[in-house]
PDB file of all heavy atoms in Angstrom:
ATOM      1  N   ASP A   1    -105.092 155.712 112.130  1.00  0.00           N
ATOM      2  CA  ASP A   1    -104.107 154.657 111.883  1.00  0.00           C
ATOM      3  C   ASP A   1    -102.828 155.281 111.357  1.00  0.00           C
ATOM      4  O   ASP A   1    -102.858 156.145 110.470  1.00  0.00           O
ATOM      5  CB  ASP A   1    -104.666 153.662 110.862  1.00  0.00           C
ATOM      6  CG  ASP A   1    -103.810 152.405 110.756  1.00  0.00           C
ATOM      7  OD1 ASP A   1    -102.601 152.536 110.496  1.00  0.00           O
ATOM      8  OD2 ASP A   1    -104.362 151.304 110.922  1.00  0.00           O
ATOM      9  N   LYS A   2    -101.687 154.824 111.892  1.00  0.00           N
ATOM     10  CA  LYS A   2    -100.384 155.367 111.476  1.00  0.00           C
ATOM     11  C   LYS A   2    -100.184 155.221 109.969  1.00  0.00           C
ATOM     12  O   LYS A   2     -99.549 156.068 109.325  1.00  0.00           O
ATOM     13  CB  LYS A   2     -99.270 154.647 112.230  1.00  0.00           C
ATOM     14  CG  LYS A   2     -97.904 155.287 112.076  1.00  0.00           C
ATOM     15  CD  LYS A   2     -96.833 154.570 112.895  1.00  0.00           C
ATOM     16  CE  LYS A   2     -97.000 154.831 114.366  1.00  0.00           C
ATOM     17  NZ  LYS A   2     -95.834 154.306 115.148  1.00  0.00           N
ATOM     18  N   ASN A   3    -100.737 154.167 109.376  1.00  0.00           N
ATOM     19  CA  ASN A   3    -100.591 153.941 107.937  1.00  0.00           C
ATOM     20  C   ASN A   3    -101.392 154.940 107.097  1.00  0.00           C
ATOM     21  O   ASN A   3    -101.182 155.074 105.889  1.00  0.00           O
ATOM     22  CB  ASN A   3    -101.024 152.518 107.569  1.00  0.00           C
ATOM     23  CG  ASN A   3    -100.110 151.471 108.176  1.00  0.00           C
ATOM     24  OD1 ASN A   3     -98.903 151.683 108.263  1.00  0.00           O
ATOM     25  ND2 ASN A   3    -100.682 150.362 108.614  1.00  0.00           N
ATOM     26  N   ALA A   4    -102.337 155.646 107.761  1.00  0.00           N
ATOM     27  CA  ALA A   4    -103.151 156.637 107.040  1.00  0.00           C
ATOM     28  C   ALA A   4    -102.521 158.027 107.070  1.00  0.00           C
ATOM     29  O   ALA A   4    -103.077 158.967 106.505  1.00  0.00           O
ATOM     30  CB  ALA A   4    -104.547 156.692 107.632  1.00  0.00           C
ATOM     31  N   VAL A   5    -101.367 158.167 107.712  1.00  0.00           N
ATOM     32  CA  VAL A   5    -100.675 159.456 107.789  1.00  0.00           C
ATOM     33  C   VAL A   5     -99.725 159.580 106.608  1.00  0.00           C
ATOM     34  O   VAL A   5     -98.750 158.829 106.502  1.00  0.00           O
ATOM     35  CB  VAL A   5     -99.904 159.605 109.112  1.00  0.00           C
ATOM     36  CG1 VAL A   5     -99.217 160.978 109.173  1.00  0.00           C
ATOM     37  CG2 VAL A   5    -100.833 159.422 110.304  1.00  0.00           C
ATOM     38  N   ALA A   6    -100.025 160.491 105.708  1.00  0.00           N
ATOM     39  CA  ALA A   6     -99.206 160.683 104.504  1.00  0.00           C
ATOM     40  C   ALA A   6     -97.929 161.448 104.846  1.00  0.00           C
ATOM     41  O   ALA A   6     -97.888 162.238 105.792  1.00  0.00           O
ATOM     42  CB  ALA A   6     -99.994 161.447 103.447  1.00  0.00           C
ATOM     43  N   SER A   7     -96.897 161.218 104.058  1.00  0.00           N
ATOM     44  CA  SER A   7     -95.608 161.876 104.292  1.00  0.00           C
ATOM     45  C   SER A   7     -95.387 163.065 103.368  1.00  0.00           C
ATOM     46  O   SER A   7     -94.431 163.813 103.543  1.00  0.00           O
ATOM     47  CB  SER A   7     -94.468 160.870 104.104  1.00  0.00           C
ATOM     48  OG  SER A   7     -94.503 160.314 102.790  1.00  0.00           O
ATOM     49  N   SER A   8     -96.260 163.226 102.363  1.00  0.00           N
ATOM     50  CA  SER A   8     -96.094 164.340 101.419  1.00  0.00           C
ATOM     51  C   SER A   8     -97.426 164.672 100.776  1.00  0.00           C
ATOM     52  O   SER A   8     -98.350 163.848 100.756  1.00  0.00           O
ATOM     53  CB  SER A   8     -95.086 163.983 100.331  1.00  0.00           C
ATOM     54  OG  SER A   8     -95.617 162.968  99.485  1.00  0.00           O
ATOM     55  N   ILE A   9     -97.511 165.883 100.205  1.00  0.00           N
ATOM     56  CA  ILE A   9     -98.726 166.278  99.502  1.00  0.00           C
ATOM     57  C   ILE A   9     -98.915 165.433  98.251  1.00  0.00           C
ATOM     58  O   ILE A   9    -100.044 165.144  97.848  1.00  0.00           O
ATOM     59  CB  ILE A   9     -98.702 167.792  99.156  1.00  0.00           C
ATOM     60  CG1 ILE A   9    -100.041 168.229  98.561  1.00  0.00           C
ATOM     61  CG2 ILE A   9     -97.554 168.110  98.216  1.00  0.00           C
ATOM     62  CD1 ILE A   9    -101.230 168.079  99.467  1.00  0.00           C
ATOM     63  N   GLU A  10     -97.804 165.000  97.644  1.00  0.00           N
ATOM     64  CA  GLU A  10     -97.904 164.146  96.454  1.00  0.00           C
ATOM     65  C   GLU A  10     -98.597 162.830  96.774  1.00  0.00           C
ATOM     66  O   GLU A  10     -99.401 162.323  95.980  1.00  0.00           O
ATOM     67  CB  GLU A  10     -96.505 163.883  95.881  1.00  0.00           C
ATOM     68  CG  GLU A  10     -95.874 165.062  95.179  1.00  0.00           C
ATOM     69  CD  GLU A  10     -95.354 166.136  96.122  1.00  0.00           C
ATOM     70  OE1 GLU A  10     -95.157 165.814  97.329  1.00  0.00           O
ATOM     71  OE2 GLU A  10     -95.155 167.285  95.671  1.00  0.00           O
ATOM     72  N   GLU A  11     -98.323 162.323  97.957  1.00  0.00           N
ATOM     73  CA  GLU A  11     -98.968 161.071  98.376  1.00  0.00           C
ATOM     74  C   GLU A  11    -100.475 161.278  98.555  1.00  0.00           C
ATOM     75  O   GLU A  11    -101.281 160.406  98.219  1.00  0.00           O
ATOM     76  CB  GLU A  11     -98.340 160.594  99.690  1.00  0.00           C
ATOM     77  CG  GLU A  11     -98.825 159.221 100.141  1.00  0.00           C
ATOM     78  CD  GLU A  11     -98.154 158.763 101.428  1.00  0.00           C
ATOM     79  OE1 GLU A  11     -97.081 159.303 101.776  1.00  0.00           O
ATOM     80  OE2 GLU A  11     -98.724 157.872 102.092  1.00  0.00           O
ATOM     81  N   VAL A  12    -100.846 162.442  99.043  1.00  0.00           N
ATOM     82  CA  VAL A  12    -102.267 162.750  99.248  1.00  0.00           C
ATOM     83  C   VAL A  12    -102.996 162.869  97.919  1.00  0.00           C
ATOM     84  O   VAL A  12    -104.038 162.234  97.690  1.00  0.00           O
ATOM     85  CB  VAL A  12    -102.431 164.060 100.058  1.00  0.00           C
ATOM     86  CG1 VAL A  12    -103.905 164.489 100.091  1.00  0.00           C
ATOM     87  CG2 VAL A  12    -101.899 163.891 101.465  1.00  0.00           C
ATOM     88  N   VAL A  13    -102.457 163.695  97.008  1.00  0.00           N
ATOM     89  CA  VAL A  13    -103.190 163.997  95.772  1.00  0.00           C
ATOM     90  C   VAL A  13    -103.158 162.831  94.779  1.00  0.00           C
ATOM     91  O   VAL A  13    -103.983 162.787  93.857  1.00  0.00           O
ATOM     92  CB  VAL A  13    -102.662 165.288  95.107  1.00  0.00           C
ATOM     93  CG1 VAL A  13    -102.827 166.472  96.041  1.00  0.00           C
ATOM     94  CG2 VAL A  13    -101.222 165.138  94.650  1.00  0.00           C
ATOM     95  N   SER A  14    -102.240 161.903  94.957  1.00  0.00           N
ATOM     96  CA  SER A  14    -102.197 160.741  94.058  1.00  0.00           C
ATOM     97  C   SER A  14    -103.075 159.594  94.553  1.00  0.00           C
ATOM     98  O   SER A  14    -103.236 158.582  93.873  1.00  0.00           O
ATOM     99  CB  SER A  14    -100.751 160.239  93.901  1.00  0.00           C
ATOM    100  OG  SER A  14    -100.242 159.776  95.151  1.00  0.00           O
ATOM    101  N   ASN A  15    -103.678 159.774  95.727  1.00  0.00           N
ATOM    102  CA  ASN A  15    -104.530 158.729  96.302  1.00  0.00           C
ATOM    103  C   ASN A  15    -105.876 158.735  95.567  1.00  0.00           C
ATOM    104  O   ASN A  15    -106.648 159.699  95.672  1.00  0.00           O
ATOM    105  CB  ASN A  15    -104.732 159.002  97.794  1.00  0.00           C
ATOM    106  CG  ASN A  15    -105.471 157.881  98.498  1.00  0.00           C
ATOM    107  OD1 ASN A  15    -106.281 157.174  97.900  1.00  0.00           O
ATOM    108  ND2 ASN A  15    -105.204 157.721  99.790  1.00  0.00           N
ATOM    109  N   PRO A  16    -106.213 157.682  94.838  1.00  0.00           N
ATOM    110  CA  PRO A  16    -107.458 157.663  94.062  1.00  0.00           C
ATOM    111  C   PRO A  16    -108.716 157.643  94.922  1.00  0.00           C
ATOM    112  O   PRO A  16    -109.813 157.938  94.436  1.00  0.00           O
ATOM    113  CB  PRO A  16    -107.341 156.370  93.247  1.00  0.00           C
ATOM    114  CG  PRO A  16    -106.420 155.496  94.043  1.00  0.00           C
ATOM    115  CD  PRO A  16    -105.447 156.422  94.705  1.00  0.00           C
ATOM    116  N   ASN A  17    -108.572 157.325  96.210  1.00  0.00           N
ATOM    117  CA  ASN A  17    -109.731 157.283  97.102  1.00  0.00           C
ATOM    118  C   ASN A  17    -110.085 158.647  97.692  1.00  0.00           C
ATOM    119  O   ASN A  17    -111.114 158.785  98.344  1.00  0.00           O
ATOM    120  CB  ASN A  17    -109.481 156.288  98.242  1.00  0.00           C
ATOM    121  CG  ASN A  17    -109.365 154.859  97.748  1.00  0.00           C
ATOM    122  OD1 ASN A  17    -110.058 154.461  96.812  1.00  0.00           O
ATOM    123  ND2 ASN A  17    -108.474 154.091  98.354  1.00  0.00           N
ATOM    124  N   VAL A  18    -109.221 159.620  97.460  1.00  0.00           N
ATOM    125  CA  VAL A  18    -109.455 160.966  98.000  1.00  0.00           C
ATOM    126  C   VAL A  18    -110.201 161.810  96.972  1.00  0.00           C
ATOM    127  O   VAL A  18    -109.720 162.050  95.870  1.00  0.00           O
ATOM    128  CB  VAL A  18    -108.122 161.647  98.381  1.00  0.00           C
ATOM    129  CG1 VAL A  18    -108.363 163.128  98.724  1.00  0.00           C
ATOM    130  CG2 VAL A  18    -107.470 160.932  99.558  1.00  0.00           C
ATOM    131  N   ASP A  19    -111.374 162.258  97.341  1.00  0.00           N
ATOM    132  CA  ASP A  19    -112.184 163.135  96.482  1.00  0.00           C
ATOM    133  C   ASP A  19    -112.071 164.597  96.898  1.00  0.00           C
ATOM    134  O   ASP A  19    -112.086 165.493  96.059  1.00  0.00           O
ATOM    135  CB  ASP A  19    -113.663 162.727  96.561  1.00  0.00           C
ATOM    136  CG  ASP A  19    -113.873 161.272  96.221  1.00  0.00           C
ATOM    137  OD1 ASP A  19    -113.609 160.898  95.069  1.00  0.00           O
ATOM    138  OD2 ASP A  19    -114.294 160.501  97.126  1.00  0.00           O
ATOM    139  N   ILE A  20    -111.977 164.821  98.213  1.00  0.00           N
ATOM    140  CA  ILE A  20    -111.996 166.177  98.760  1.00  0.00           C
ATOM    141  C   ILE A  20    -110.809 166.361  99.696  1.00  0.00           C
ATOM    142  O   ILE A  20    -110.571 165.534 100.584  1.00  0.00           O
ATOM    143  CB  ILE A  20    -113.307 166.434  99.520  1.00  0.00           C
ATOM    144  CG1 ILE A  20    -114.500 166.319  98.566  1.00  0.00           C
ATOM    145  CG2 ILE A  20    -113.284 167.823 100.188  1.00  0.00           C
ATOM    146  CD1 ILE A  20    -115.852 166.368  99.268  1.00  0.00           C
ATOM    147  N   VAL A  21    -110.062 167.444  99.479  1.00  0.00           N
ATOM    148  CA  VAL A  21    -108.918 167.772 100.321  1.00  0.00           C
ATOM    149  C   VAL A  21    -109.289 168.957 101.205  1.00  0.00           C
ATOM    150  O   VAL A  21    -109.692 170.008 100.706  1.00  0.00           O
ATOM    151  CB  VAL A  21    -107.674 168.108  99.473  1.00  0.00           C
ATOM    152  CG1 VAL A  21    -106.525 168.587 100.362  1.00  0.00           C
ATOM    153  CG2 VAL A  21    -107.244 166.895  98.653  1.00  0.00           C
ATOM    154  N   VAL A  22    -109.150 168.772 102.512  1.00  0.00           N
ATOM    155  CA  VAL A  22    -109.444 169.830 103.489  1.00  0.00           C
ATOM    156  C   VAL A  22    -108.130 170.444 103.944  1.00  0.00           C
ATOM    157  O   VAL A  22    -107.272 169.749 104.496  1.00  0.00           O
ATOM    158  CB  VAL A  22    -110.209 169.255 104.701  1.00  0.00           C
ATOM    159  CG1 VAL A  22    -110.338 170.315 105.797  1.00  0.00           C
ATOM    160  CG2 VAL A  22    -111.577 168.742 104.283  1.00  0.00           C
ATOM    161  N   GLU A  23    -107.966 171.752 103.717  1.00  0.00           N
ATOM    162  CA  GLU A  23    -106.738 172.449 104.126  1.00  0.00           C
ATOM    163  C   GLU A  23    -107.014 173.296 105.349  1.00  0.00           C
ATOM    164  O   GLU A  23    -107.809 174.232 105.300  1.00  0.00           O
ATOM    165  CB  GLU A  23    -106.221 173.317 102.973  1.00  0.00           C
ATOM    166  CG  GLU A  23    -104.910 174.026 103.281  1.00  0.00           C
ATOM    167  CD  GLU A  23    -105.091 175.363 104.006  1.00  0.00           C
ATOM    168  OE1 GLU A  23    -105.870 176.205 103.524  1.00  0.00           O
ATOM    169  OE2 GLU A  23    -104.432 175.543 105.056  1.00  0.00           O
ATOM    170  N   VAL A  24    -106.337 172.973 106.454  1.00  0.00           N
ATOM    171  CA  VAL A  24    -106.491 173.728 107.696  1.00  0.00           C
ATOM    172  C   VAL A  24    -105.118 174.012 108.306  1.00  0.00           C
ATOM    173  O   VAL A  24    -104.967 174.057 109.525  1.00  0.00           O
ATOM    174  CB  VAL A  24    -107.389 172.967 108.704  1.00  0.00           C
ATOM    175  CG1 VAL A  24    -108.843 173.076 108.331  1.00  0.00           C
ATOM    176  CG2 VAL A  24    -107.004 171.495 108.803  1.00  0.00           C
ATOM    177  N   ILE A  25    -104.137 174.242 107.443  1.00  0.00           N
ATOM    178  CA  ILE A  25    -102.775 174.512 107.907  1.00  0.00           C
ATOM    179  C   ILE A  25    -102.648 175.959 108.371  1.00  0.00           C
ATOM    180  O   ILE A  25    -102.023 176.266 109.374  1.00  0.00           O
ATOM    181  CB  ILE A  25    -101.755 174.233 106.780  1.00  0.00           C
ATOM    182  CG1 ILE A  25    -101.822 172.766 106.360  1.00  0.00           C
ATOM    183  CG2 ILE A  25    -100.340 174.597 107.218  1.00  0.00           C
ATOM    184  CD1 ILE A  25    -101.048 172.461 105.090  1.00  0.00           C
ATOM    185  N   GLY A  26    -103.241 176.877 107.596  1.00  0.00           N
ATOM    186  CA  GLY A  26    -103.132 178.300 107.897  1.00  0.00           C
ATOM    187  C   GLY A  26    -101.912 178.916 107.248  1.00  0.00           C
ATOM    188  O   GLY A  26    -100.991 178.218 106.825  1.00  0.00           O
ATOM    189  N   GLY A  27    -101.910 180.251 107.157  1.00  0.00           N
ATOM    190  CA  GLY A  27    -100.789 180.951 106.546  1.00  0.00           C
ATOM    191  C   GLY A  27    -100.766 180.787 105.032  1.00  0.00           C
ATOM    192  O   GLY A  27    -101.663 180.181 104.440  1.00  0.00           O
ATOM    193  N   ILE A  28     -99.735 181.331 104.409  1.00  0.00           N
ATOM    194  CA  ILE A  28     -99.634 181.278 102.950  1.00  0.00           C
ATOM    195  C   ILE A  28     -98.912 180.023 102.463  1.00  0.00           C
ATOM    196  O   ILE A  28     -99.453 179.258 101.666  1.00  0.00           O
ATOM    197  CB  ILE A  28     -98.930 182.543 102.408  1.00  0.00           C
ATOM    198  CG1 ILE A  28     -99.702 183.800 102.810  1.00  0.00           C
ATOM    199  CG2 ILE A  28     -98.805 182.468 100.884  1.00  0.00           C
ATOM    200  CD1 ILE A  28    -101.103 183.880 102.266  1.00  0.00           C
ATOM    201  N   GLU A  29     -97.707 179.810 102.920  1.00  0.00           N
ATOM    202  CA  GLU A  29     -96.974 178.611 102.528  1.00  0.00           C
ATOM    203  C   GLU A  29     -96.694 177.738 103.743  1.00  0.00           C
ATOM    204  O   GLU A  29     -96.451 178.245 104.833  1.00  0.00           O
ATOM    205  CB  GLU A  29     -95.646 178.993 101.844  1.00  0.00           C
ATOM    206  CG  GLU A  29     -95.798 179.637 100.473  1.00  0.00           C
ATOM    207  CD  GLU A  29     -96.359 178.681  99.408  1.00  0.00           C
ATOM    208  OE1 GLU A  29     -96.517 177.469  99.688  1.00  0.00           O
ATOM    209  OE2 GLU A  29     -96.660 179.154  98.309  1.00  0.00           O
ATOM    210  N   PRO A  30     -96.776 176.405 103.584  1.00  0.00           N
ATOM    211  CA  PRO A  30     -96.935 175.672 102.318  1.00  0.00           C
ATOM    212  C   PRO A  30     -98.387 175.489 101.869  1.00  0.00           C
ATOM    213  O   PRO A  30     -98.642 174.768 100.907  1.00  0.00           O
ATOM    214  CB  PRO A  30     -96.317 174.312 102.644  1.00  0.00           C
ATOM    215  CG  PRO A  30     -96.654 174.104 104.092  1.00  0.00           C
ATOM    216  CD  PRO A  30     -96.552 175.476 104.727  1.00  0.00           C
ATOM    217  N   ALA A  31     -99.337 176.132 102.562  1.00  0.00           N
ATOM    218  CA  ALA A  31    -100.752 175.900 102.247  1.00  0.00           C
ATOM    219  C   ALA A  31    -101.078 176.194 100.788  1.00  0.00           C
ATOM    220  O   ALA A  31    -101.784 175.427 100.127  1.00  0.00           O
ATOM    221  CB  ALA A  31    -101.626 176.760 103.158  1.00  0.00           C
ATOM    222  N   ARG A  32    -100.565 177.318 100.266  1.00  0.00           N
ATOM    223  CA  ARG A  32    -100.857 177.685  98.873  1.00  0.00           C
ATOM    224  C   ARG A  32    -100.382 176.593  97.913  1.00  0.00           C
ATOM    225  O   ARG A  32    -101.124 176.172  97.013  1.00  0.00           O
ATOM    226  CB  ARG A  32    -100.186 179.015  98.538  1.00  0.00           C
ATOM    227  CG  ARG A  32    -100.251 179.401  97.069  1.00  0.00           C
ATOM    228  CD  ARG A  32     -99.547 180.731  96.821  1.00  0.00           C
ATOM    229  NE  ARG A  32     -99.275 180.915  95.402  1.00  0.00           N
ATOM    230  CZ  ARG A  32     -98.189 180.462  94.787  1.00  0.00           C
ATOM    231  NH1 ARG A  32     -97.276 179.779  95.478  1.00  0.00           N
ATOM    232  NH2 ARG A  32     -98.022 180.667  93.496  1.00  0.00           N
ATOM    233  N   THR A  33     -99.166 176.143  98.082  1.00  0.00           N
ATOM    234  CA  THR A  33     -98.620 175.096  97.203  1.00  0.00           C
ATOM    235  C   THR A  33     -99.443 173.824  97.301  1.00  0.00           C
ATOM    236  O   THR A  33     -99.771 173.192  96.282  1.00  0.00           O
ATOM    237  CB  THR A  33     -97.156 174.804  97.584  1.00  0.00           C
ATOM    238  OG1 THR A  33     -96.376 175.983  97.362  1.00  0.00           O
ATOM    239  CG2 THR A  33     -96.588 173.663  96.756  1.00  0.00           C
ATOM    240  N   PHE A  34     -99.808 173.440  98.511  1.00  0.00           N
ATOM    241  CA  PHE A  34    -100.571 172.204  98.706  1.00  0.00           C
ATOM    242  C   PHE A  34    -101.955 172.303  98.069  1.00  0.00           C
ATOM    243  O   PHE A  34    -102.416 171.365  97.397  1.00  0.00           O
ATOM    244  CB  PHE A  34    -100.718 171.906 100.200  1.00  0.00           C
ATOM    245  CG  PHE A  34     -99.445 171.479 100.890  1.00  0.00           C
ATOM    246  CD1 PHE A  34     -99.422 171.238 102.252  1.00  0.00           C
ATOM    247  CD2 PHE A  34     -98.258 171.319 100.175  1.00  0.00           C
ATOM    248  CE1 PHE A  34     -98.267 170.823 102.890  1.00  0.00           C
ATOM    249  CE2 PHE A  34     -97.081 170.916 100.805  1.00  0.00           C
ATOM    250  CZ  PHE A  34     -97.086 170.670 102.170  1.00  0.00           C
ATOM    251  N   VAL A  35    -102.628 173.444  98.253  1.00  0.00           N
ATOM    252  CA  VAL A  35    -103.969 173.615  97.684  1.00  0.00           C
ATOM    253  C   VAL A  35    -103.914 173.607  96.161  1.00  0.00           C
ATOM    254  O   VAL A  35    -104.749 172.970  95.501  1.00  0.00           O
ATOM    255  CB  VAL A  35    -104.618 174.912  98.205  1.00  0.00           C
ATOM    256  CG1 VAL A  35    -105.876 175.241  97.414  1.00  0.00           C
ATOM    257  CG2 VAL A  35    -104.950 174.774  99.689  1.00  0.00           C
ATOM    258  N   LEU A  36    -102.940 174.288  95.591  1.00  0.00           N
ATOM    259  CA  LEU A  36    -102.807 174.303  94.131  1.00  0.00           C
ATOM    260  C   LEU A  36    -102.533 172.906  93.580  1.00  0.00           C
ATOM    261  O   LEU A  36    -103.082 172.516  92.538  1.00  0.00           O
ATOM    262  CB  LEU A  36    -101.694 175.263  93.711  1.00  0.00           C
ATOM    263  CG  LEU A  36    -102.031 176.758  93.810  1.00  0.00           C
ATOM    264  CD1 LEU A  36    -100.790 177.597  93.556  1.00  0.00           C
ATOM    265  CD2 LEU A  36    -103.133 177.128  92.811  1.00  0.00           C
ATOM    266  N   LYS A  37    -101.709 172.142  94.270  1.00  0.00           N
ATOM    267  CA  LYS A  37    -101.428 170.768  93.814  1.00  0.00           C
ATOM    268  C   LYS A  37    -102.689 169.908  93.889  1.00  0.00           C
ATOM    269  O   LYS A  37    -102.937 169.083  92.994  1.00  0.00           O
ATOM    270  CB  LYS A  37    -100.307 170.153  94.652  1.00  0.00           C
ATOM    271  CG  LYS A  37     -98.923 170.676  94.285  1.00  0.00           C
ATOM    272  CD  LYS A  37     -97.811 169.924  94.999  1.00  0.00           C
ATOM    273  CE  LYS A  37     -96.452 170.424  94.503  1.00  0.00           C
ATOM    274  NZ  LYS A  37     -95.324 169.708  95.129  1.00  0.00           N
ATOM    275  N   ALA A  38    -103.479 170.105  94.935  1.00  0.00           N
ATOM    276  CA  ALA A  38    -104.727 169.347  95.058  1.00  0.00           C
ATOM    277  C   ALA A  38    -105.684 169.710  93.928  1.00  0.00           C
ATOM    278  O   ALA A  38    -106.275 168.836  93.279  1.00  0.00           O
ATOM    279  CB  ALA A  38    -105.362 169.607  96.416  1.00  0.00           C
TER     280      ALA A  38
END
């Protein structure tokens, strides 16, 4: 669903329904920043 597509990592990590974050971006950045924020 288009409404389930987040526009930022902040939107993802602030979602109370999210327990587990799967990172499959690859490379160092922005993956490192996103994983640390999660």
